[in-house]
Amino acid sequence: MKVPDKNIKFPLENYDKLCFLKNLIKNPNIVVGDYTYYDDFENVNNFEKNVKYHFEFIGDKLVIGKFCMIASDVKFIMNGANHLTKSISSYPFAIFGEQFLFYKKKLIVI
């Protein structure tokens, strides 16, 4: 059996629902090893849409090793999904780049 070329997008002839993922990724903060494949029932270009909360300003990376298999609709939840849990509110005030002023009130309305 011939070893497939790790630099081709579609290793199975006449089948475009399975790809070697590293040859598809455009986001520099997603790194994928050789021969890792992704299978998508609709379109392999959906992969990056399944990497959720991956905001550039946070600077985190998704690194997937060699010889991994990723099924259709698998979701990766990145650090941008985290909210403060040790403060009075879990609202992510800091990511909006503005200073919020809080006034002392006796009534809390949610």
N, C-alpha and C. Protein backbone atom coordinates (compact mmCIF):
# COMPACT_ATOMS: atom_id res chain seq x y z
N MET A 1 0.84 -1.18 0.00
CA MET A 1 0.00 0.00 0.00
C MET A 1 0.88 1.24 0.00
N LYS A 2 0.54 2.19 -0.84
CA LYS A 2 1.29 3.43 -0.96
C LYS A 2 0.88 4.42 0.14
N VAL A 3 1.85 5.07 0.76
CA VAL A 3 1.58 6.08 1.78
C VAL A 3 1.08 7.35 1.08
N PRO A 4 -0.04 7.91 1.54
CA PRO A 4 -0.54 9.13 0.88
C PRO A 4 0.37 10.33 1.13
N ASP A 5 0.35 11.25 0.21
CA ASP A 5 1.13 12.48 0.34
C ASP A 5 0.50 13.34 1.43
N LYS A 6 1.25 13.67 2.46
CA LYS A 6 0.72 14.45 3.59
C LYS A 6 0.39 15.89 3.21
N ASN A 7 0.83 16.32 2.04
CA ASN A 7 0.62 17.70 1.61
C ASN A 7 -0.57 17.88 0.66
N ILE A 8 -1.35 16.82 0.46
CA ILE A 8 -2.55 16.98 -0.37
C ILE A 8 -3.75 17.23 0.52
N LYS A 9 -4.75 17.89 -0.02
CA LYS A 9 -5.94 18.22 0.78
C LYS A 9 -6.85 16.99 0.93
N PHE A 10 -7.12 16.30 -0.15
CA PHE A 10 -8.05 15.18 -0.12
C PHE A 10 -7.32 13.87 -0.43
N PRO A 11 -7.06 13.05 0.60
CA PRO A 11 -6.29 11.82 0.40
C PRO A 11 -7.06 10.68 -0.25
N LEU A 12 -8.39 10.74 -0.24
CA LEU A 12 -9.20 9.69 -0.86
C LEU A 12 -9.71 10.19 -2.21
N GLU A 13 -9.37 9.48 -3.23
CA GLU A 13 -9.75 9.86 -4.58
C GLU A 13 -11.27 9.95 -4.72
N ASN A 14 -11.74 11.02 -5.35
CA ASN A 14 -13.16 11.25 -5.62
C ASN A 14 -14.02 11.36 -4.36
N TYR A 15 -13.42 11.80 -3.24
CA TYR A 15 -14.18 11.98 -2.00
C TYR A 15 -13.71 13.25 -1.33
N ASP A 16 -14.58 14.27 -1.28
CA ASP A 16 -14.17 15.56 -0.74
C ASP A 16 -14.77 15.88 0.63
N LYS A 17 -15.22 14.88 1.34
CA LYS A 17 -15.76 15.06 2.69
C LYS A 17 -14.74 14.73 3.77
N LEU A 18 -13.58 14.27 3.38
CA LEU A 18 -12.50 13.93 4.30
C LEU A 18 -11.23 14.59 3.79
N CYS A 19 -10.52 15.29 4.68
CA CYS A 19 -9.30 15.98 4.24
C CYS A 19 -8.19 15.84 5.28
N PHE A 20 -6.96 16.02 4.81
CA PHE A 20 -5.84 16.20 5.74
C PHE A 20 -5.93 17.65 6.20
N LEU A 21 -6.25 17.83 7.46
CA LEU A 21 -6.67 19.11 7.99
C LEU A 21 -5.63 20.22 7.88
N LYS A 22 -4.35 19.91 8.06
CA LYS A 22 -3.34 20.97 8.05
C LYS A 22 -3.29 21.69 6.71
N ASN A 23 -3.76 21.04 5.66
CA ASN A 23 -3.74 21.65 4.33
C ASN A 23 -4.97 22.52 4.05
N LEU A 24 -5.84 22.62 5.02
CA LEU A 24 -7.07 23.39 4.89
C LEU A 24 -7.07 24.64 5.78
N ILE A 25 -6.37 24.59 6.89
CA ILE A 25 -6.41 25.64 7.90
C ILE A 25 -5.78 26.93 7.39
N LYS A 26 -6.49 28.04 7.66
CA LYS A 26 -5.98 29.36 7.29
C LYS A 26 -5.59 30.19 8.51
N ASN A 27 -6.16 29.89 9.65
CA ASN A 27 -5.89 30.64 10.88
C ASN A 27 -4.51 30.27 11.43
N PRO A 28 -3.61 31.26 11.59
CA PRO A 28 -2.27 30.96 12.10
C PRO A 28 -2.25 30.49 13.56
N ASN A 29 -3.35 30.65 14.28
CA ASN A 29 -3.42 30.19 15.67
C ASN A 29 -4.05 28.80 15.80
N ILE A 30 -4.18 28.13 14.66
CA ILE A 30 -4.57 26.72 14.66
C ILE A 30 -3.46 25.95 13.96
N VAL A 31 -2.84 25.04 14.69
CA VAL A 31 -1.72 24.27 14.16
C VAL A 31 -2.11 22.79 14.17
N VAL A 32 -1.91 22.13 13.03
CA VAL A 32 -2.33 20.73 12.90
C VAL A 32 -1.17 19.90 12.37
N GLY A 33 -0.96 18.73 12.95
CA GLY A 33 0.12 17.84 12.53
C GLY A 33 -0.21 17.06 11.27
N ASP A 34 0.82 16.47 10.71
CA ASP A 34 0.70 15.67 9.48
C ASP A 34 -0.27 14.50 9.67
N TYR A 35 -0.99 14.21 8.62
CA TYR A 35 -1.90 13.07 8.51
C TYR A 35 -3.15 13.13 9.40
N THR A 36 -3.30 14.18 10.18
CA THR A 36 -4.55 14.33 10.94
C THR A 36 -5.65 14.61 9.94
N TYR A 37 -6.75 13.87 10.06
CA TYR A 37 -7.82 14.10 9.10
C TYR A 37 -9.10 14.55 9.77
N TYR A 38 -9.91 15.24 8.99
CA TYR A 38 -11.20 15.76 9.42
C TYR A 38 -12.23 15.27 8.42
N ASP A 39 -13.32 14.74 8.93
CA ASP A 39 -14.40 14.23 8.10
C ASP A 39 -15.63 15.07 8.40
N ASP A 40 -16.24 15.65 7.38
CA ASP A 40 -17.42 16.49 7.57
C ASP A 40 -18.50 16.05 6.60
N PHE A 41 -19.69 15.79 7.10
CA PHE A 41 -20.79 15.32 6.26
C PHE A 41 -21.22 16.34 5.22
N GLU A 42 -20.99 17.63 5.52
CA GLU A 42 -21.41 18.69 4.60
C GLU A 42 -20.26 19.24 3.77
N ASN A 43 -19.27 19.83 4.47
CA ASN A 43 -18.17 20.49 3.77
C ASN A 43 -16.99 20.62 4.73
N VAL A 44 -15.82 20.18 4.32
CA VAL A 44 -14.65 20.24 5.20
C VAL A 44 -14.24 21.67 5.55
N ASN A 45 -14.69 22.64 4.77
CA ASN A 45 -14.38 24.03 5.08
C ASN A 45 -15.11 24.54 6.31
N ASN A 46 -15.96 23.73 6.89
CA ASN A 46 -16.66 24.08 8.12
C ASN A 46 -15.78 23.99 9.36
N PHE A 47 -14.61 23.40 9.26
CA PHE A 47 -13.82 23.12 10.46
C PHE A 47 -13.58 24.35 11.32
N GLU A 48 -13.09 25.42 10.75
CA GLU A 48 -12.74 26.60 11.57
C GLU A 48 -13.97 27.22 12.23
N LYS A 49 -15.15 27.01 11.68
CA LYS A 49 -16.38 27.48 12.32
C LYS A 49 -16.66 26.72 13.61
N ASN A 50 -16.09 25.53 13.74
CA ASN A 50 -16.28 24.70 14.93
C ASN A 50 -15.27 24.97 16.03
N VAL A 51 -14.37 25.91 15.79
CA VAL A 51 -13.44 26.36 16.83
C VAL A 51 -14.08 27.61 17.42
N LYS A 52 -14.74 27.45 18.54
CA LYS A 52 -15.58 28.50 19.13
C LYS A 52 -14.80 29.39 20.10
N TYR A 53 -15.17 30.67 20.12
CA TYR A 53 -14.61 31.66 21.05
C TYR A 53 -13.10 31.79 20.91
N HIS A 54 -12.61 31.69 19.71
CA HIS A 54 -11.17 31.77 19.43
C HIS A 54 -10.86 33.18 18.95
N PHE A 55 -10.77 34.11 19.90
CA PHE A 55 -10.59 35.52 19.59
C PHE A 55 -9.11 35.86 19.47
N GLU A 56 -8.76 36.61 18.45
CA GLU A 56 -7.36 36.97 18.21
C GLU A 56 -6.74 37.72 19.38
N PHE A 57 -7.50 38.60 20.04
CA PHE A 57 -6.94 39.42 21.12
C PHE A 57 -6.58 38.61 22.37
N ILE A 58 -7.08 37.40 22.49
CA ILE A 58 -6.72 36.55 23.64
C ILE A 58 -5.37 35.89 23.39
N GLY A 59 -5.09 35.53 22.13
CA GLY A 59 -3.78 35.00 21.78
C GLY A 59 -3.57 33.52 22.02
N ASP A 60 -4.64 32.77 22.28
CA ASP A 60 -4.44 31.33 22.50
C ASP A 60 -4.35 30.58 21.17
N LYS A 61 -3.80 29.37 21.25
CA LYS A 61 -3.62 28.53 20.06
C LYS A 61 -4.29 27.19 20.27
N LEU A 62 -4.81 26.67 19.18
CA LEU A 62 -5.30 25.29 19.17
C LEU A 62 -4.24 24.47 18.45
N VAL A 63 -3.68 23.49 19.12
CA VAL A 63 -2.65 22.63 18.54
C VAL A 63 -3.18 21.20 18.55
N ILE A 64 -3.23 20.61 17.36
CA ILE A 64 -3.70 19.23 17.18
C ILE A 64 -2.53 18.44 16.62
N GLY A 65 -2.21 17.32 17.22
CA GLY A 65 -1.04 16.54 16.83
C GLY A 65 -1.19 15.76 15.53
N LYS A 66 -0.20 14.93 15.27
CA LYS A 66 -0.19 14.06 14.08
C LYS A 66 -1.11 12.86 14.29
N PHE A 67 -1.61 12.33 13.20
CA PHE A 67 -2.39 11.08 13.16
C PHE A 67 -3.65 11.11 14.05
N CYS A 68 -4.30 12.27 14.12
CA CYS A 68 -5.56 12.38 14.86
C CYS A 68 -6.73 12.26 13.88
N MET A 69 -7.88 11.88 14.41
CA MET A 69 -9.10 11.77 13.60
C MET A 69 -10.14 12.66 14.24
N ILE A 70 -10.72 13.58 13.45
CA ILE A 70 -11.71 14.51 13.98
C ILE A 70 -13.00 14.33 13.19
N ALA A 71 -14.07 14.03 13.91
CA ALA A 71 -15.36 13.76 13.28
C ALA A 71 -16.11 15.05 12.96
N SER A 72 -17.08 14.91 12.11
CA SER A 72 -17.97 16.00 11.73
C SER A 72 -18.64 16.59 12.98
N ASP A 73 -18.72 17.90 13.03
CA ASP A 73 -19.41 18.64 14.10
C ASP A 73 -18.72 18.63 15.46
N VAL A 74 -17.50 18.15 15.56
CA VAL A 74 -16.77 18.26 16.82
C VAL A 74 -16.51 19.74 17.06
N LYS A 75 -16.75 20.20 18.29
CA LYS A 75 -16.55 21.61 18.66
C LYS A 75 -15.35 21.73 19.60
N PHE A 76 -14.55 22.74 19.37
CA PHE A 76 -13.44 23.08 20.25
C PHE A 76 -13.81 24.39 20.94
N ILE A 77 -13.89 24.39 22.27
CA ILE A 77 -14.25 25.58 23.03
C ILE A 77 -12.95 26.20 23.56
N MET A 78 -12.63 27.38 23.06
CA MET A 78 -11.37 28.03 23.41
C MET A 78 -11.53 28.94 24.62
N ASN A 79 -10.42 29.53 25.07
CA ASN A 79 -10.39 30.34 26.29
C ASN A 79 -11.30 31.55 26.27
N GLY A 80 -11.67 32.03 25.10
CA GLY A 80 -12.56 33.18 25.02
C GLY A 80 -13.94 32.91 25.58
N ALA A 81 -14.25 31.66 25.86
CA ALA A 81 -15.56 31.30 26.43
C ALA A 81 -15.57 31.45 27.94
N ASN A 82 -14.42 31.65 28.55
CA ASN A 82 -14.34 31.75 30.01
C ASN A 82 -14.82 33.11 30.49
N HIS A 83 -15.49 33.12 31.60
CA HIS A 83 -15.95 34.35 32.24
C HIS A 83 -15.45 34.34 33.67
N LEU A 84 -15.34 35.53 34.24
CA LEU A 84 -14.92 35.63 35.64
C LEU A 84 -15.92 34.91 36.53
N THR A 85 -15.40 34.22 37.51
CA THR A 85 -16.28 33.54 38.44
C THR A 85 -16.09 34.02 39.88
N LYS A 86 -15.09 34.88 40.10
CA LYS A 86 -14.81 35.36 41.46
C LYS A 86 -15.16 36.84 41.63
N SER A 87 -16.04 37.34 40.82
CA SER A 87 -16.44 38.73 40.97
C SER A 87 -17.96 38.80 41.11
N ILE A 88 -18.44 39.99 41.30
CA ILE A 88 -19.88 40.15 41.52
C ILE A 88 -20.70 39.80 40.28
N SER A 89 -20.06 39.88 39.11
CA SER A 89 -20.74 39.57 37.86
C SER A 89 -19.81 38.75 36.97
N SER A 90 -20.39 37.87 36.19
CA SER A 90 -19.57 37.12 35.23
C SER A 90 -19.52 37.82 33.88
N TYR A 91 -20.15 39.00 33.78
CA TYR A 91 -20.15 39.77 32.54
C TYR A 91 -18.71 40.16 32.19
N PRO A 92 -18.29 39.96 30.93
CA PRO A 92 -16.88 40.22 30.56
C PRO A 92 -16.61 41.70 30.25
N PHE A 93 -16.73 42.58 31.25
CA PHE A 93 -16.54 44.01 31.05
C PHE A 93 -15.22 44.34 30.36
N ALA A 94 -14.14 43.69 30.75
CA ALA A 94 -12.80 44.03 30.27
C ALA A 94 -12.62 43.86 28.76
N ILE A 95 -13.31 42.93 28.13
CA ILE A 95 -13.06 42.70 26.71
C ILE A 95 -13.60 43.80 25.82
N PHE A 96 -14.46 44.65 26.36
CA PHE A 96 -15.04 45.72 25.55
C PHE A 96 -14.18 46.98 25.53
N GLY A 97 -13.08 46.99 26.26
CA GLY A 97 -12.11 48.07 26.19
C GLY A 97 -12.57 49.39 26.77
N GLU A 98 -13.63 49.41 27.49
CA GLU A 98 -14.13 50.63 28.10
C GLU A 98 -14.13 50.45 29.61
N GLN A 99 -14.01 51.57 30.30
CA GLN A 99 -14.13 51.50 31.75
C GLN A 99 -15.59 51.70 32.11
N PHE A 100 -16.08 50.81 32.91
CA PHE A 100 -17.46 50.90 33.34
C PHE A 100 -17.49 51.51 34.74
N LEU A 101 -18.40 52.40 34.94
CA LEU A 101 -18.58 53.02 36.25
C LEU A 101 -19.75 52.34 36.95
N PHE A 102 -19.52 52.01 38.19
CA PHE A 102 -20.57 51.37 38.96
C PHE A 102 -20.97 52.31 40.09
N TYR A 103 -22.24 52.37 40.31
CA TYR A 103 -22.78 53.22 41.36
C TYR A 103 -23.41 52.34 42.41
N LYS A 104 -23.19 52.72 43.65
CA LYS A 104 -23.73 51.94 44.75
C LYS A 104 -25.24 52.14 44.82
N LYS A 105 -25.96 51.05 44.73
CA LYS A 105 -27.41 51.09 44.79
C LYS A 105 -27.88 50.03 45.79
N LYS A 106 -29.04 50.23 46.30
CA LYS A 106 -29.60 49.27 47.25
C LYS A 106 -30.41 48.18 46.58
N LEU A 107 -30.68 48.38 45.30
CA LEU A 107 -31.51 47.42 44.58
C LEU A 107 -30.72 46.81 43.44
N ILE A 108 -30.74 45.50 43.34
CA ILE A 108 -30.11 44.80 42.21
C ILE A 108 -31.21 44.22 41.34
N VAL A 109 -31.20 44.60 40.08
CA VAL A 109 -32.22 44.12 39.14
C VAL A 109 -31.53 43.28 38.08
N ILE A 110 -32.02 42.09 37.85
CA ILE A 110 -31.43 41.21 36.84
C ILE A 110 -32.47 40.95 35.78
